[in-house]
Amino acid sequence: MGNYKENGTKENEMILQETKFQTWRAVAVAEGGVEHLLTLGTSSDQVKKNYSVPFFDLLTRDEQASIKRILLEKWYGVADCGKWVKQDFLSLPKFFLQRQFVG
């Protein structure tokens, strides 16, 4: 086994701690209520700016076609005890809308 420090971690194990908690997220909601996490961020502006790239990178075409809405949510509570609360709706990415009507 590995060597442990006083705090119980292995000598070469990295402990990652966020300097600022990721309190905003974009969630794509599909038919039937299935949710797909698209991105997390430290501000609503950061999430609004970045959610369209994972929409195309993470979801298959079938999943993209089933998306009914994208939610902007904010975390309320402390890191290990709280809940996500809807703040706004985000637009479906423009390229997706064009492709849906063209092809």
C-alpha atoms as a PDB file:
ATOM      1  CA  MET A   1       0.000   0.000   0.000  1.00  0.00           C
ATOM      2  CA  GLY A   2       1.029   3.629  -0.198  1.00  0.00           C
ATOM      3  CA  ASN A   3       2.464   5.878   2.452  1.00  0.00           C
ATOM      4  CA  TYR A   4      -0.076   8.111   4.161  1.00  0.00           C
ATOM      5  CA  LYS A   5       0.328  11.588   5.574  1.00  0.00           C
ATOM      6  CA  GLU A   6      -1.254  12.535   8.880  1.00  0.00           C
ATOM      7  CA  ASN A   7      -4.414  13.680   7.097  1.00  0.00           C
ATOM      8  CA  GLY A   8      -4.906  10.169   5.667  1.00  0.00           C
ATOM      9  CA  THR A   9      -3.956  10.855   2.038  1.00  0.00           C
ATOM     10  CA  LYS A  10      -1.292   8.997   0.090  1.00  0.00           C
ATOM     11  CA  GLU A  11       2.016  10.857  -0.351  1.00  0.00           C
ATOM     12  CA  ASN A  12       1.653  11.390  -4.106  1.00  0.00           C
ATOM     13  CA  GLU A  13      -2.127  11.842  -4.169  1.00  0.00           C
ATOM     14  CA  MET A  14      -3.342  15.248  -5.333  1.00  0.00           C
ATOM     15  CA  ILE A  15      -6.133  16.943  -3.456  1.00  0.00           C
ATOM     16  CA  LEU A  16      -8.156  19.200  -5.736  1.00  0.00           C
ATOM     17  CA  GLN A  17      -9.997  22.082  -4.168  1.00  0.00           C
ATOM     18  CA  GLU A  18     -11.965  24.655  -6.092  1.00  0.00           C
ATOM     19  CA  THR A  19     -10.992  28.237  -5.424  1.00  0.00           C
ATOM     20  CA  LYS A  20     -14.494  29.349  -6.389  1.00  0.00           C
ATOM     21  CA  PHE A  21     -17.481  27.011  -6.208  1.00  0.00           C
ATOM     22  CA  GLN A  22     -19.187  26.257  -9.564  1.00  0.00           C
ATOM     23  CA  THR A  23     -22.620  27.692  -8.758  1.00  0.00           C
ATOM     24  CA  TRP A  24     -24.218  27.896 -12.230  1.00  0.00           C
ATOM     25  CA  ARG A  25     -25.064  25.204 -14.768  1.00  0.00           C
ATOM     26  CA  ALA A  26     -26.821  24.602 -18.078  1.00  0.00           C
ATOM     27  CA  VAL A  27     -29.015  21.510 -18.320  1.00  0.00           C
ATOM     28  CA  ALA A  28     -30.622  20.265 -21.534  1.00  0.00           C
ATOM     29  CA  VAL A  29     -34.032  18.700 -20.883  1.00  0.00           C
ATOM     30  CA  ALA A  30     -35.244  16.087 -23.370  1.00  0.00           C
ATOM     31  CA  GLU A  31     -38.599  14.473 -23.999  1.00  0.00           C
ATOM     32  CA  GLY A  32     -39.707  12.506 -20.979  1.00  0.00           C
ATOM     33  CA  GLY A  33     -37.747  14.771 -18.613  1.00  0.00           C
ATOM     34  CA  VAL A  34     -34.307  13.216 -19.209  1.00  0.00           C
ATOM     35  CA  GLU A  35     -31.653  15.767 -18.206  1.00  0.00           C
ATOM     36  CA  HIS A  36     -28.185  16.226 -19.738  1.00  0.00           C
ATOM     37  CA  LEU A  37     -25.650  18.385 -17.892  1.00  0.00           C
ATOM     38  CA  LEU A  38     -23.956  20.611 -20.471  1.00  0.00           C
ATOM     39  CA  THR A  39     -21.646  22.832 -18.450  1.00  0.00           C
ATOM     40  CA  LEU A  40     -20.829  24.267 -15.025  1.00  0.00           C
ATOM     41  CA  GLY A  41     -19.491  27.725 -14.290  1.00  0.00           C
ATOM     42  CA  THR A  42     -18.790  30.344 -11.671  1.00  0.00           C
ATOM     43  CA  SER A  43     -21.158  32.886 -13.252  1.00  0.00           C
ATOM     44  CA  SER A  44     -24.304  32.913 -15.372  1.00  0.00           C
ATOM     45  CA  ASP A  45     -22.417  34.802 -18.098  1.00  0.00           C
ATOM     46  CA  GLN A  46     -19.753  32.076 -18.231  1.00  0.00           C
ATOM     47  CA  VAL A  47     -22.387  29.343 -18.587  1.00  0.00           C
ATOM     48  CA  LYS A  48     -24.359  31.299 -21.227  1.00  0.00           C
ATOM     49  CA  LYS A  49     -21.174  31.780 -23.234  1.00  0.00           C
ATOM     50  CA  ASN A  50     -20.100  28.108 -23.107  1.00  0.00           C
ATOM     51  CA  TYR A  51     -23.154  25.820 -23.178  1.00  0.00           C
ATOM     52  CA  SER A  52     -23.516  25.432 -26.965  1.00  0.00           C
ATOM     53  CA  VAL A  53     -20.162  23.669 -27.501  1.00  0.00           C
ATOM     54  CA  PRO A  54     -20.950  20.733 -25.166  1.00  0.00           C
ATOM     55  CA  PHE A  55     -24.441  20.548 -26.678  1.00  0.00           C
ATOM     56  CA  PHE A  56     -22.833  19.372 -29.927  1.00  0.00           C
ATOM     57  CA  ASP A  57     -19.823  17.579 -28.406  1.00  0.00           C
ATOM     58  CA  LEU A  58     -21.591  15.541 -25.715  1.00  0.00           C
ATOM     59  CA  LEU A  59     -25.011  14.758 -27.184  1.00  0.00           C
ATOM     60  CA  THR A  60     -25.683  12.447 -30.106  1.00  0.00           C
ATOM     61  CA  ARG A  61     -27.840  13.721 -32.969  1.00  0.00           C
ATOM     62  CA  ASP A  62     -30.781  11.724 -31.625  1.00  0.00           C
ATOM     63  CA  GLU A  63     -30.306  13.244 -28.166  1.00  0.00           C
ATOM     64  CA  GLN A  64     -30.000  16.734 -29.669  1.00  0.00           C
ATOM     65  CA  ALA A  65     -33.255  16.225 -31.588  1.00  0.00           C
ATOM     66  CA  SER A  66     -35.088  15.212 -28.393  1.00  0.00           C
ATOM     67  CA  ILE A  67     -34.100  18.359 -26.444  1.00  0.00           C
ATOM     68  CA  LYS A  68     -37.118  20.512 -25.609  1.00  0.00           C
ATOM     69  CA  ARG A  69     -35.469  23.225 -23.533  1.00  0.00           C
ATOM     70  CA  ILE A  70     -32.192  24.240 -21.895  1.00  0.00           C
ATOM     71  CA  LEU A  71     -32.292  25.496 -18.323  1.00  0.00           C
ATOM     72  CA  LEU A  72     -29.938  27.927 -16.617  1.00  0.00           C
ATOM     73  CA  GLU A  73     -29.794  26.918 -12.965  1.00  0.00           C
ATOM     74  CA  LYS A  74     -28.111  28.346  -9.868  1.00  0.00           C
ATOM     75  CA  TRP A  75     -26.995  26.379  -6.803  1.00  0.00           C
ATOM     76  CA  TYR A  76     -28.530  27.506  -3.529  1.00  0.00           C
ATOM     77  CA  GLY A  77     -26.909  26.204  -0.367  1.00  0.00           C
ATOM     78  CA  VAL A  78     -23.475  25.104   0.761  1.00  0.00           C
ATOM     79  CA  ALA A  79     -21.337  22.751  -1.322  1.00  0.00           C
ATOM     80  CA  ASP A  80     -22.660  19.518   0.176  1.00  0.00           C
ATOM     81  CA  CYS A  81     -26.218  20.578   1.025  1.00  0.00           C
ATOM     82  CA  GLY A  82     -28.430  22.562  -1.292  1.00  0.00           C
ATOM     83  CA  LYS A  83     -30.364  22.384  -4.527  1.00  0.00           C
ATOM     84  CA  TRP A  84     -30.348  23.624  -8.130  1.00  0.00           C
ATOM     85  CA  VAL A  85     -32.978  26.286  -8.826  1.00  0.00           C
ATOM     86  CA  LYS A  86     -34.125  27.328 -12.315  1.00  0.00           C
ATOM     87  CA  GLN A  87     -33.213  30.912 -13.138  1.00  0.00           C
ATOM     88  CA  ASP A  88     -33.943  31.158 -16.850  1.00  0.00           C
ATOM     89  CA  PHE A  89     -34.325  29.318 -20.149  1.00  0.00           C
ATOM     90  CA  LEU A  90     -31.467  29.351 -22.673  1.00  0.00           C
ATOM     91  CA  SER A  91     -31.953  29.235 -26.428  1.00  0.00           C
ATOM     92  CA  LEU A  92     -31.288  26.060 -28.365  1.00  0.00           C
ATOM     93  CA  PRO A  93     -27.961  26.540 -30.183  1.00  0.00           C
ATOM     94  CA  LYS A  94     -28.505  28.295 -33.551  1.00  0.00           C
ATOM     95  CA  PHE A  95     -26.646  25.724 -35.639  1.00  0.00           C
ATOM     96  CA  PHE A  96     -28.972  23.059 -34.217  1.00  0.00           C
ATOM     97  CA  LEU A  97     -32.090  25.036 -35.151  1.00  0.00           C
ATOM     98  CA  GLN A  98     -30.855  25.614 -38.704  1.00  0.00           C
ATOM     99  CA  ARG A  99     -29.966  21.959 -39.168  1.00  0.00           C
ATOM    100  CA  GLN A 100     -33.330  20.864 -37.839  1.00  0.00           C
ATOM    101  CA  PHE A 101     -35.227  22.837 -40.503  1.00  0.00           C
ATOM    102  CA  VAL A 102     -32.771  22.283 -43.377  1.00  0.00           C
ATOM    103  CA  GLY A 103     -32.035  18.592 -43.129  1.00  0.00           C
END
